[in-house]
Amino acid sequence: MISTREKIFNYAFLTLLAVSVLFPIVYILGVAISPSTSGTLDLGHPQWSNFATAWHQAGFTHYLRSSVIITGTVVVVSTALAVMSGYAFGVLGVVGEKALFPLMLFGIMIPMESIIVPLYYDFLAFDLTDGYQGIILAHIGTGVSFGAFWMRAAFRAVPASIAESAEIDGAGSWTRLWRIYLPISRPAILTFVVLSFMWTWNDYFLSLILVAAPEHQPLTLGLGAFSGRRLVEINLLAAAAVLMSLPIVGLYLFFQRQFIRGLLSGALKG
């Protein structure tokens, strides 16, 4: 049984942790609506027009279109590949699985910085550095290893007796996937969707290297270019950063329960 002293310590520690996490967020929001360009807070006269000013001056409209195209394509394709590969490795069993699956996990262990130079020259040779194709392929390639690992663990956590009962009733592999494994593993799938969206939407490094054409650059590069032009206008920079983070915050809040359930199930069963 937890003593009163331990409860006080736990609550104090959690409160301190919450404050340390929330303070930077609240501060950035305050700076974003402040009329002062120096980064000081002036909440007595909030200037909500900073968001519209930052959006128009940064030219975020075409950057947003690029981010939506890149992120949407990557999330859809990566999720489909993660489900199929996880089902193959975790349920069906593929020929040479003991050698193929550890080989696939190298994609998680190898840092992107160590392969970016050969990757760039390979993409340059196939003329994939001036459009959406290169950056989309790069994100899918870097995410498929984690997706296979994540969904393999999720599918293996499904009780085998359920799938065996369905198989006895005549359900094939695809029927078992759609009717049994996908509904039960929905929290894990939605968690992967949120993570894939966040990683792709927030990417700066890969986009900086592989996306040369300005009309195809995502929001992260647009924010970087805007910060170079408006370095002394801290309030507009904060407003632009808040605008760029809104889709991720909205997606997380919408799938909050499923996201937490997916993470907890992975921690408990992985």
Protein backbone atom coordinates (compact mmCIF):
# COMPACT_ATOMS: atom_id res chain seq x y z
CA MET A 1 0.00 0.00 0.00
CA ILE A 2 1.33 3.42 -0.96
CA SER A 3 1.98 5.69 1.99
CA THR A 4 0.93 9.34 2.17
CA ARG A 5 4.53 10.50 1.78
CA GLU A 6 4.93 8.43 -1.39
CA LYS A 7 1.68 9.84 -2.79
CA ILE A 8 2.84 13.40 -2.13
CA PHE A 9 6.18 12.68 -3.79
CA ASN A 10 4.50 11.08 -6.82
CA TYR A 11 2.08 13.95 -7.31
CA ALA A 12 4.84 16.53 -6.85
CA PHE A 13 7.07 14.76 -9.38
CA LEU A 14 4.24 14.43 -11.92
CA THR A 15 3.26 18.06 -11.45
CA LEU A 16 6.85 19.19 -11.99
CA LEU A 17 7.10 17.01 -15.07
CA ALA A 18 3.82 18.37 -16.47
CA VAL A 19 4.92 21.96 -15.89
CA SER A 20 8.29 21.34 -17.58
CA VAL A 21 6.50 19.92 -20.62
CA LEU A 22 3.67 22.43 -20.84
CA PHE A 23 5.65 25.60 -20.12
CA PRO A 24 7.45 25.75 -23.51
CA ILE A 25 4.14 25.11 -25.31
CA VAL A 26 2.31 27.84 -23.40
CA TYR A 27 5.24 30.21 -23.88
CA ILE A 28 5.31 29.67 -27.67
CA LEU A 29 1.56 30.22 -27.86
CA GLY A 30 1.92 33.41 -25.84
CA VAL A 31 4.72 34.70 -28.06
CA ALA A 32 2.70 33.83 -31.17
CA ILE A 33 -0.12 36.22 -30.20
CA SER A 34 2.15 38.89 -28.72
CA PRO A 35 2.52 42.21 -30.60
CA SER A 36 6.18 42.38 -29.57
CA THR A 37 8.65 41.10 -32.18
CA SER A 38 11.43 40.53 -29.63
CA GLY A 39 9.93 37.36 -28.15
CA THR A 40 8.69 38.93 -24.91
CA LEU A 41 5.20 38.13 -23.69
CA ASP A 42 2.55 40.84 -23.96
CA LEU A 43 -0.73 39.06 -23.33
CA GLY A 44 -2.52 42.27 -22.44
CA HIS A 45 -2.90 43.12 -26.12
CA PRO A 46 -3.14 39.79 -27.99
CA GLN A 47 -2.59 40.11 -31.70
CA TRP A 48 -4.38 37.18 -33.33
CA SER A 49 -3.62 38.52 -36.78
CA ASN A 50 -0.04 37.23 -36.36
CA PHE A 51 -1.21 33.84 -37.61
CA ALA A 52 -2.67 35.24 -40.84
CA THR A 53 0.36 37.48 -41.34
CA ALA A 54 2.80 34.60 -40.85
CA TRP A 55 0.79 32.36 -43.18
CA HIS A 56 0.74 34.87 -46.04
CA GLN A 57 4.30 36.14 -45.62
CA ALA A 58 5.69 32.59 -45.45
CA GLY A 59 3.68 31.50 -48.49
CA PHE A 60 2.49 28.42 -46.63
CA THR A 61 -0.30 27.59 -49.10
CA HIS A 62 1.82 25.75 -51.66
CA TYR A 63 4.05 24.30 -48.92
CA LEU A 64 0.92 22.91 -47.27
CA ARG A 65 -0.17 21.28 -50.52
CA SER A 66 3.21 19.56 -50.82
CA SER A 67 3.11 18.38 -47.20
CA VAL A 68 -0.38 16.95 -47.63
CA ILE A 69 0.59 15.09 -50.81
CA ILE A 70 3.81 13.70 -49.34
CA THR A 71 2.45 12.83 -45.89
CA GLY A 72 -0.86 11.44 -47.13
CA THR A 73 0.79 9.16 -49.69
CA VAL A 74 3.44 7.97 -47.22
CA VAL A 75 0.92 7.21 -44.47
CA VAL A 76 -1.42 5.25 -46.77
CA VAL A 77 1.29 3.20 -48.47
CA SER A 78 3.34 2.65 -45.30
CA THR A 79 0.29 1.48 -43.36
CA ALA A 80 -0.69 -0.97 -46.11
CA LEU A 81 2.84 -2.37 -46.31
CA ALA A 82 3.10 -2.55 -42.51
CA VAL A 83 -0.15 -4.52 -42.24
CA MET A 84 0.74 -6.94 -45.03
CA SER A 85 4.33 -7.51 -43.93
CA GLY A 86 3.33 -7.81 -40.27
CA TYR A 87 0.66 -10.34 -41.20
CA ALA A 88 3.12 -12.31 -43.32
CA PHE A 89 5.83 -12.41 -40.66
CA GLY A 90 3.58 -12.70 -37.62
CA VAL A 91 0.80 -15.01 -38.75
CA LEU A 92 1.33 -16.70 -42.09
CA GLY A 93 5.02 -17.40 -41.75
CA VAL A 94 7.16 -16.79 -44.82
CA VAL A 95 9.95 -18.89 -46.24
CA GLY A 96 13.24 -17.82 -44.67
CA GLU A 97 11.55 -15.71 -41.99
CA LYS A 98 14.35 -16.26 -39.48
CA ALA A 99 16.80 -14.64 -41.89
CA LEU A 100 14.53 -12.09 -43.58
CA PHE A 101 13.01 -10.50 -40.49
CA PRO A 102 16.32 -9.68 -38.74
CA LEU A 103 17.54 -8.32 -42.08
CA MET A 104 14.51 -6.05 -42.27
CA LEU A 105 15.19 -4.79 -38.74
CA PHE A 106 18.46 -3.28 -39.96
CA GLY A 107 16.28 -0.47 -41.31
CA ILE A 108 15.52 0.53 -37.71
CA MET A 109 19.08 0.24 -36.45
CA ILE A 110 20.96 2.02 -39.25
CA PRO A 111 20.90 5.84 -38.81
CA MET A 112 19.75 7.85 -41.79
CA GLU A 113 22.85 10.07 -41.64
CA SER A 114 25.04 7.09 -42.55
CA ILE A 115 23.21 6.32 -45.81
CA ILE A 116 22.00 9.74 -46.95
CA VAL A 117 24.96 10.36 -49.31
CA PRO A 118 24.65 7.13 -51.34
CA LEU A 119 20.86 7.48 -51.18
CA TYR A 120 21.06 10.96 -52.68
CA TYR A 121 23.31 9.87 -55.55
CA ASP A 122 21.12 6.85 -56.26
CA PHE A 123 18.04 9.07 -56.43
CA LEU A 124 19.94 11.59 -58.54
CA ALA A 125 20.83 8.87 -61.04
CA PHE A 126 17.15 7.99 -61.43
CA ASP A 127 16.05 11.67 -61.53
CA LEU A 128 14.10 11.43 -58.28
CA THR A 129 15.42 14.53 -56.52
CA ASP A 130 13.19 17.23 -58.03
CA GLY A 131 9.73 15.90 -57.29
CA TYR A 132 7.51 14.08 -54.85
CA GLN A 133 8.52 10.56 -55.90
CA GLY A 134 11.94 10.58 -54.26
CA ILE A 135 10.93 11.90 -50.86
CA ILE A 136 7.87 9.64 -50.76
CA LEU A 137 9.95 6.55 -51.59
CA ALA A 138 12.55 7.52 -48.99
CA HIS A 139 9.96 7.89 -46.22
CA ILE A 140 8.25 4.63 -47.14
CA GLY A 141 11.58 2.83 -47.21
CA THR A 142 12.62 4.15 -43.81
CA GLY A 143 9.23 3.39 -42.24
CA VAL A 144 8.56 -0.10 -43.56
CA SER A 145 11.02 -1.76 -41.15
CA PHE A 146 9.36 -0.29 -38.08
CA GLY A 147 5.93 -0.98 -39.55
CA ALA A 148 6.68 -4.66 -40.08
CA PHE A 149 8.11 -4.96 -36.57
CA TRP A 150 5.18 -3.10 -34.99
CA MET A 151 2.37 -4.96 -36.78
CA ARG A 152 4.07 -8.35 -36.38
CA ALA A 153 3.99 -7.86 -32.61
CA ALA A 154 0.36 -6.67 -32.75
CA PHE A 155 -0.83 -9.63 -34.82
CA ARG A 156 1.03 -12.13 -32.67
CA ALA A 157 -0.80 -10.76 -29.62
CA VAL A 158 -4.14 -11.87 -31.11
CA PRO A 159 -5.25 -15.16 -29.49
CA ALA A 160 -4.51 -18.01 -31.86
CA SER A 161 -7.72 -19.81 -30.89
CA ILE A 162 -9.84 -17.13 -32.58
CA ALA A 163 -8.01 -17.46 -35.89
CA GLU A 164 -8.05 -21.27 -35.65
CA SER A 165 -11.82 -21.26 -35.12
CA ALA A 166 -12.28 -19.06 -38.17
CA GLU A 167 -10.00 -21.30 -40.22
CA ILE A 168 -12.03 -24.37 -39.23
CA ASP A 169 -15.16 -22.53 -40.41
CA GLY A 170 -13.55 -22.10 -43.82
CA ALA A 171 -12.13 -18.56 -43.56
CA GLY A 172 -9.14 -17.97 -45.82
CA SER A 173 -6.06 -15.89 -45.10
CA TRP A 174 -7.56 -12.62 -46.39
CA THR A 175 -10.85 -13.21 -44.56
CA ARG A 176 -9.04 -13.80 -41.28
CA LEU A 177 -7.00 -10.65 -41.84
CA TRP A 178 -10.02 -8.43 -42.54
CA ARG A 179 -12.49 -9.96 -40.11
CA ILE A 180 -10.26 -10.87 -37.15
CA TYR A 181 -6.77 -9.40 -37.09
CA LEU A 182 -7.49 -5.89 -38.34
CA PRO A 183 -10.43 -5.14 -35.97
CA ILE A 184 -8.59 -6.52 -32.95
CA SER A 185 -5.34 -4.70 -33.88
CA ARG A 186 -7.03 -1.38 -34.65
CA PRO A 187 -5.30 0.55 -31.79
CA ALA A 188 -1.89 -0.62 -33.02
CA ILE A 189 -2.72 0.36 -36.61
CA LEU A 190 -3.95 3.82 -35.59
CA THR A 191 -0.85 4.28 -33.44
CA PHE A 192 1.34 3.51 -36.44
CA VAL A 193 -0.71 5.94 -38.56
CA VAL A 194 -0.16 8.74 -36.02
CA LEU A 195 3.56 7.98 -35.71
CA SER A 196 4.04 7.75 -39.48
CA PHE A 197 2.15 11.02 -39.97
CA MET A 198 4.22 12.76 -37.29
CA TRP A 199 7.58 11.53 -38.62
CA THR A 200 6.77 12.47 -42.21
CA TRP A 201 5.11 15.81 -41.44
CA ASN A 202 7.96 16.93 -39.18
CA ASP A 203 10.76 15.74 -41.46
CA TYR A 204 13.33 18.36 -42.36
CA PHE A 205 16.55 16.45 -43.00
CA LEU A 206 15.37 14.15 -45.80
CA SER A 207 13.36 16.91 -47.45
CA LEU A 208 16.31 19.29 -47.40
CA ILE A 209 18.50 16.73 -49.19
CA LEU A 210 16.04 15.15 -51.62
CA VAL A 211 13.57 17.89 -52.56
CA ALA A 212 15.34 20.42 -54.74
CA ALA A 213 12.35 21.98 -56.52
CA PRO A 214 10.83 24.81 -54.42
CA GLU A 215 7.30 24.03 -55.63
CA HIS A 216 7.57 20.53 -54.14
CA GLN A 217 9.06 21.45 -50.77
CA PRO A 218 7.01 20.71 -47.61
CA LEU A 219 6.09 22.99 -44.72
CA THR A 220 9.24 22.26 -42.73
CA LEU A 221 11.43 23.71 -45.47
CA GLY A 222 9.02 26.61 -45.85
CA LEU A 223 9.32 27.34 -42.14
CA GLY A 224 13.10 27.16 -42.40
CA ALA A 225 13.14 29.64 -45.27
CA PHE A 226 10.73 31.92 -43.42
CA SER A 227 12.89 31.88 -40.29
CA GLY A 228 15.85 33.03 -42.39
CA ARG A 229 13.89 36.01 -43.66
CA ARG A 230 12.12 36.90 -40.40
CA LEU A 231 14.77 36.06 -37.80
CA VAL A 232 14.11 39.26 -35.82
CA GLU A 233 10.31 38.84 -35.79
CA ILE A 234 10.04 36.18 -33.14
CA ASN A 235 6.26 36.48 -32.78
CA LEU A 236 5.70 35.67 -36.47
CA LEU A 237 8.12 32.75 -36.28
CA ALA A 238 6.24 31.38 -33.27
CA ALA A 239 2.91 31.84 -35.07
CA ALA A 240 4.23 29.98 -38.12
CA ALA A 241 5.54 27.14 -35.94
CA VAL A 242 2.16 26.85 -34.18
CA LEU A 243 0.35 26.70 -37.53
CA MET A 244 2.64 23.94 -38.77
CA SER A 245 2.10 21.83 -35.64
CA LEU A 246 -1.72 22.08 -35.62
CA PRO A 247 -2.36 19.02 -37.89
CA ILE A 248 -0.27 16.77 -35.65
CA VAL A 249 -1.95 18.04 -32.49
CA GLY A 250 -5.38 17.64 -34.07
CA LEU A 251 -4.66 14.10 -35.26
CA TYR A 252 -3.32 13.08 -31.85
CA LEU A 253 -6.33 14.52 -30.01
CA PHE A 254 -8.72 12.78 -32.41
CA PHE A 255 -7.05 9.36 -31.96
CA GLN A 256 -5.85 9.93 -28.40
CA ARG A 257 -7.50 6.91 -26.79
CA GLN A 258 -6.53 4.49 -29.56
CA PHE A 259 -2.98 5.90 -29.61
CA ILE A 260 -2.49 5.35 -25.88
CA ARG A 261 -4.03 1.88 -26.06
CA GLY A 262 -1.75 0.98 -28.95
CA LEU A 263 1.35 2.14 -27.10
CA LEU A 264 0.36 0.36 -23.90
CA SER A 265 -0.45 -2.88 -25.70
CA GLY A 266 2.92 -2.72 -27.45
CA ALA A 267 4.70 -2.12 -24.14
CA LEU A 268 2.87 -4.95 -22.39
CA LYS A 269 2.93 -7.52 -25.20
CA GLY A 270 5.98 -6.59 -27.24
